[in-house]
Amino acid sequence: CPPDVPVAQCVCQQIVCSHGSLLIGGRYNKYSRCLPQTPWLIDGERLKESSITLLITDCRFSSSGREDIDVRMLGTGRPFVLEFVNPHRTLLDEDFLSDMQKQINSSTKEIAVSGLQVITKGEYSILKDGETKKTKCYSALIWTKELVPQTELDKLADIKDLRIEQKTPLRVLHRRPLAVRVREVHTMSAQRIDDHHFKLFLKTMAGTYVKEFVHGDFGRTKPNLGTLLGVESDILELDVESVDVEWPPVRK
């Protein structure tokens, strides 16, 4: 049956206007070994007083990967994007972004941001799509149970594009599915400090668990640095030296 003929005109009850999201891209450095990227919540309670997200802004924050709480992000920083939903202001000039950057950097010594600029959704998708293709460079302070001569450390530089198999690390098994992931360590070099310590520099494929590559994670990462050197090894400090992604986008 056809619907009844309306007896009264339609009346508009409300009109709501909103702006589309505003995206700002940049890079951040993290200089603290006690600062998580996002708030730590357990049973609804925040464990850490601060995080990179809270120090930068209260809007939506996403980045090209993340570092552990005890890992510093050095070099040119890690690419990130801020999304302002329904912003009151949509046109931001270079002076405004420069002032925003200065305000963030002057508010804390734990982080710094750089290269802030307005980006498009297309540019944002390029960053997300490139997450699995990027490479990262690290430096790490390594401890070994036995002395490793510099001549043996020098042999690490001869290893190129080392394929490793990593079971989901025990430390993240509570939030990651159990799987075996194939990763690559592209280059390595090492500089001896004393009988039980050396500095390791390495370039890896995205998604490589560097800590587990060093200590082996009870045999869950094969091969690992310990098996390559033939000694028990562990990692004391880890820094990300670079995230190799062209970001923010270069304007022509």
Protein backbone atom coordinates (compact mmCIF):
# COMPACT_ATOMS: atom_id res chain seq x y z
CA CYS A 1 0.00 0.00 0.00
CA PRO A 2 1.23 3.51 -0.70
CA PRO A 3 2.08 5.67 2.32
CA ASP A 4 -0.41 8.14 3.69
CA VAL A 5 -0.39 11.62 2.25
CA PRO A 6 1.27 13.99 4.77
CA VAL A 7 -1.10 16.52 6.26
CA ALA A 8 1.56 18.97 7.45
CA GLN A 9 4.81 20.37 6.05
CA CYS A 10 8.13 19.10 7.28
CA VAL A 11 9.77 21.35 9.81
CA CYS A 12 13.55 21.61 10.25
CA GLN A 13 14.33 21.06 13.93
CA GLN A 14 18.08 21.64 13.93
CA ILE A 15 21.03 22.36 11.64
CA VAL A 16 24.51 21.32 12.75
CA CYS A 17 27.63 22.54 10.95
CA SER A 18 31.10 21.19 11.50
CA HIS A 19 34.54 21.43 9.96
CA GLY A 20 36.43 18.51 8.52
CA SER A 21 39.39 17.21 10.48
CA LEU A 22 42.61 19.21 10.39
CA LEU A 23 45.82 17.17 10.13
CA ILE A 24 49.23 18.42 11.26
CA GLY A 25 52.35 16.38 10.59
CA GLY A 26 55.78 16.58 12.18
CA ARG A 27 58.46 14.66 14.04
CA TYR A 28 59.14 14.22 17.73
CA ASN A 29 62.22 13.42 19.78
CA LYS A 30 62.04 11.72 23.17
CA TYR A 31 64.92 12.23 25.59
CA SER A 32 63.52 10.42 28.64
CA ARG A 33 63.78 6.71 29.48
CA CYS A 34 60.72 6.96 31.73
CA LEU A 35 58.16 8.35 29.30
CA PRO A 36 55.64 6.20 27.37
CA GLN A 37 54.29 7.29 24.00
CA THR A 38 50.68 6.93 25.12
CA PRO A 39 49.15 6.85 28.63
CA TRP A 40 49.66 3.61 30.56
CA LEU A 41 46.26 2.37 31.70
CA ILE A 42 45.73 -0.73 33.84
CA ASP A 43 42.23 -1.43 35.21
CA GLY A 44 41.25 2.08 34.18
CA GLU A 45 44.02 3.78 36.16
CA ARG A 46 46.88 5.72 34.60
CA LEU A 47 50.23 4.44 35.85
CA LYS A 48 52.48 7.18 34.49
CA GLU A 49 51.86 10.86 35.19
CA SER A 50 52.69 11.85 31.62
CA SER A 51 53.21 10.58 28.08
CA ILE A 52 54.27 11.98 24.71
CA THR A 53 50.61 12.24 23.69
CA LEU A 54 49.71 14.30 26.75
CA LEU A 55 52.76 16.56 26.45
CA ILE A 56 52.05 17.40 22.81
CA THR A 57 48.27 17.80 22.72
CA ASP A 58 44.90 16.47 23.79
CA CYS A 59 43.74 15.69 20.23
CA ARG A 60 44.13 12.45 18.30
CA PHE A 61 47.75 11.38 17.99
CA SER A 62 49.27 8.73 15.74
CA SER A 63 52.85 7.99 14.74
CA SER A 64 54.98 5.84 12.49
CA GLY A 65 55.59 3.07 15.03
CA ARG A 66 56.53 3.56 18.65
CA GLU A 67 59.45 3.05 21.01
CA ASP A 68 59.39 1.36 24.41
CA ILE A 69 59.11 3.52 27.50
CA ASP A 70 62.84 3.10 28.29
CA VAL A 71 64.01 3.84 24.73
CA ARG A 72 65.00 7.32 23.58
CA MET A 73 64.05 8.70 20.15
CA LEU A 74 67.03 10.72 18.89
CA GLY A 75 68.24 12.00 15.51
CA THR A 76 65.61 13.74 13.38
CA GLY A 77 62.79 12.20 15.41
CA ARG A 78 59.81 9.93 14.74
CA PRO A 79 57.10 10.96 12.23
CA PHE A 80 53.71 11.70 13.76
CA VAL A 81 50.31 13.19 12.89
CA LEU A 82 47.90 15.22 15.01
CA GLU A 83 44.23 15.11 14.04
CA PHE A 84 42.04 18.00 15.21
CA VAL A 85 38.39 16.95 14.96
CA ASN A 86 35.94 19.74 14.09
CA PRO A 87 38.54 22.48 14.66
CA HIS A 88 37.45 26.07 15.32
CA ARG A 89 40.30 27.29 13.14
CA THR A 90 41.09 25.63 9.81
CA LEU A 91 43.64 27.95 8.21
CA LEU A 92 47.02 27.78 9.94
CA ASP A 93 49.96 29.74 8.59
CA GLU A 94 53.66 29.08 9.19
CA ASP A 95 53.85 31.62 12.02
CA PHE A 96 51.04 29.92 13.92
CA LEU A 97 52.66 26.49 13.56
CA SER A 98 56.04 27.91 14.55
CA ASP A 99 54.52 29.38 17.73
CA MET A 100 52.79 26.07 18.49
CA GLN A 101 56.11 24.26 18.11
CA LYS A 102 57.87 26.73 20.42
CA GLN A 103 55.15 26.39 23.07
CA ILE A 104 55.41 22.60 23.08
CA ASN A 105 59.21 22.60 23.21
CA SER A 106 59.40 25.20 25.96
CA SER A 107 56.91 23.33 28.15
CA THR A 108 59.12 20.28 28.76
CA LYS A 109 62.66 18.94 28.46
CA GLU A 110 61.51 15.35 27.91
CA ILE A 111 60.43 15.76 24.29
CA ALA A 112 60.78 18.11 21.33
CA VAL A 113 58.79 18.47 18.11
CA SER A 114 59.93 19.77 14.73
CA GLY A 115 58.73 20.34 11.17
CA LEU A 116 55.07 21.01 11.99
CA GLN A 117 52.95 21.56 8.90
CA VAL A 118 49.39 21.02 7.71
CA ILE A 119 49.04 17.82 5.68
CA THR A 120 46.35 16.21 3.56
CA LYS A 121 44.56 12.90 4.12
CA GLY A 122 46.39 11.54 1.10
CA GLU A 123 49.76 12.38 2.62
CA TYR A 124 48.68 10.83 5.92
CA SER A 125 47.76 7.58 4.17
CA ILE A 126 51.19 7.51 2.50
CA LEU A 127 52.79 7.63 5.96
CA LYS A 128 50.63 4.78 7.26
CA ASP A 129 51.16 2.67 4.13
CA GLY A 130 54.94 3.07 4.45
CA GLU A 131 55.11 1.80 8.04
CA THR A 132 56.00 -1.75 7.01
CA LYS A 133 58.55 -0.65 4.39
CA LYS A 134 60.67 1.74 6.43
CA THR A 135 64.00 0.97 8.05
CA LYS A 136 65.30 2.12 11.44
CA CYS A 137 68.74 2.75 12.82
CA TYR A 138 69.58 2.02 16.46
CA SER A 139 72.44 2.30 18.90
CA ALA A 140 72.59 0.04 21.95
CA LEU A 141 74.79 -0.48 24.97
CA ILE A 142 75.56 -4.20 25.18
CA TRP A 143 76.82 -6.34 28.07
CA THR A 144 78.54 -9.68 27.52
CA LYS A 145 79.36 -12.28 30.13
CA GLU A 146 82.78 -12.88 28.58
CA LEU A 147 85.27 -10.60 26.87
CA VAL A 148 84.74 -10.17 23.13
CA PRO A 149 87.83 -8.80 21.32
CA GLN A 150 87.38 -5.93 18.90
CA THR A 151 88.56 -8.24 16.11
CA GLU A 152 85.49 -10.42 16.73
CA LEU A 153 83.20 -7.41 16.96
CA ASP A 154 84.53 -6.19 13.62
CA LYS A 155 83.19 -9.35 11.98
CA LEU A 156 79.64 -8.14 12.62
CA ALA A 157 80.16 -5.50 9.93
CA ASP A 158 80.58 -8.30 7.35
CA ILE A 159 77.04 -9.57 8.01
CA LYS A 160 74.53 -8.03 5.61
CA ASP A 161 70.74 -8.47 5.44
CA LEU A 162 70.68 -11.13 8.15
CA ARG A 163 67.31 -12.93 8.17
CA ILE A 164 66.06 -13.75 11.66
CA GLU A 165 62.96 -15.50 12.98
CA GLN A 166 61.29 -13.98 16.00
CA LYS A 167 58.52 -15.57 18.02
CA THR A 168 56.29 -13.03 19.70
CA PRO A 169 58.43 -11.75 22.60
CA LEU A 170 57.45 -12.88 26.07
CA ARG A 171 57.20 -9.26 27.22
CA VAL A 172 54.40 -8.47 24.72
CA LEU A 173 52.75 -11.89 24.53
CA HIS A 174 49.86 -10.67 26.70
CA ARG A 175 48.80 -8.19 23.99
CA ARG A 176 50.16 -9.64 20.73
CA PRO A 177 49.14 -12.90 19.02
CA LEU A 178 51.62 -15.76 19.09
CA ALA A 179 53.41 -15.88 15.73
CA VAL A 180 56.81 -16.29 14.13
CA ARG A 181 57.87 -13.16 12.25
CA VAL A 182 60.70 -13.07 9.73
CA ARG A 183 62.73 -9.87 9.96
CA GLU A 184 66.06 -8.57 8.61
CA VAL A 185 69.02 -6.89 10.24
CA HIS A 186 70.52 -5.02 7.31
CA THR A 187 73.82 -3.82 8.79
CA MET A 188 75.73 -3.94 12.08
CA SER A 189 78.89 -2.49 13.57
CA ALA A 190 80.30 -2.44 17.09
CA GLN A 191 82.81 -0.48 19.15
CA ARG A 192 84.32 -2.04 22.27
CA ILE A 193 84.11 -0.02 25.51
CA ASP A 194 85.68 -2.40 28.04
CA ASP A 195 85.97 -6.13 28.73
CA HIS A 196 82.21 -6.60 29.15
CA HIS A 197 80.60 -3.71 27.27
CA PHE A 198 80.42 -2.46 23.71
CA LYS A 199 78.29 -0.13 21.61
CA LEU A 200 76.25 -1.75 18.87
CA PHE A 201 74.97 0.15 15.83
CA LEU A 202 72.45 -1.54 13.58
CA LYS A 203 69.97 -0.88 10.80
CA THR A 204 66.89 -3.10 10.73
CA MET A 205 63.69 -3.83 8.92
CA ALA A 206 60.53 -2.29 10.38
CA GLY A 207 59.00 -4.41 13.13
CA THR A 208 62.27 -5.96 14.34
CA TYR A 209 62.41 -6.57 18.09
CA VAL A 210 65.93 -5.28 18.75
CA LYS A 211 66.05 -6.16 22.46
CA GLU A 212 65.18 -9.76 21.69
CA PHE A 213 67.71 -9.87 18.86
CA VAL A 214 70.39 -9.02 21.42
CA HIS A 215 69.55 -11.40 24.27
CA GLY A 216 67.67 -14.05 22.28
CA ASP A 217 64.50 -14.08 24.44
CA PHE A 218 65.24 -17.61 25.75
CA GLY A 219 65.85 -18.89 22.23
CA ARG A 220 62.71 -17.35 20.72
CA THR A 221 64.78 -15.16 18.34
CA LYS A 222 67.16 -17.07 16.05
CA PRO A 223 69.85 -16.23 15.24
CA ASN A 224 70.60 -13.56 17.81
CA LEU A 225 73.60 -11.50 18.82
CA GLY A 226 74.57 -13.98 21.51
CA THR A 227 74.70 -16.88 19.07
CA LEU A 228 76.59 -14.80 16.51
CA LEU A 229 79.29 -13.89 19.04
CA GLY A 230 79.16 -17.14 20.97
CA VAL A 231 78.67 -15.43 24.34
CA GLU A 232 75.78 -14.59 26.64
CA SER A 233 74.72 -10.99 25.94
CA ASP A 234 72.12 -8.53 27.12
CA ILE A 235 71.03 -5.00 26.29
CA LEU A 236 71.41 -2.23 28.87
CA GLU A 237 70.29 0.83 26.88
CA LEU A 238 68.66 1.34 23.49
CA ASP A 239 68.23 4.48 21.37
CA VAL A 240 66.45 4.94 18.05
CA GLU A 241 68.82 7.01 15.92
CA SER A 242 66.60 7.42 12.85
CA VAL A 243 63.29 6.41 11.29
CA ASP A 244 63.95 6.40 7.57
CA VAL A 245 60.76 7.91 6.16
CA GLU A 246 60.47 11.10 4.11
CA TRP A 247 58.37 13.11 6.54
CA PRO A 248 56.93 15.72 6.73
CA PRO A 249 56.19 15.80 2.99
CA VAL A 250 58.47 18.01 0.92
CA ARG A 251 56.53 20.85 -0.66
CA LYS A 252 57.41 21.63 -4.27
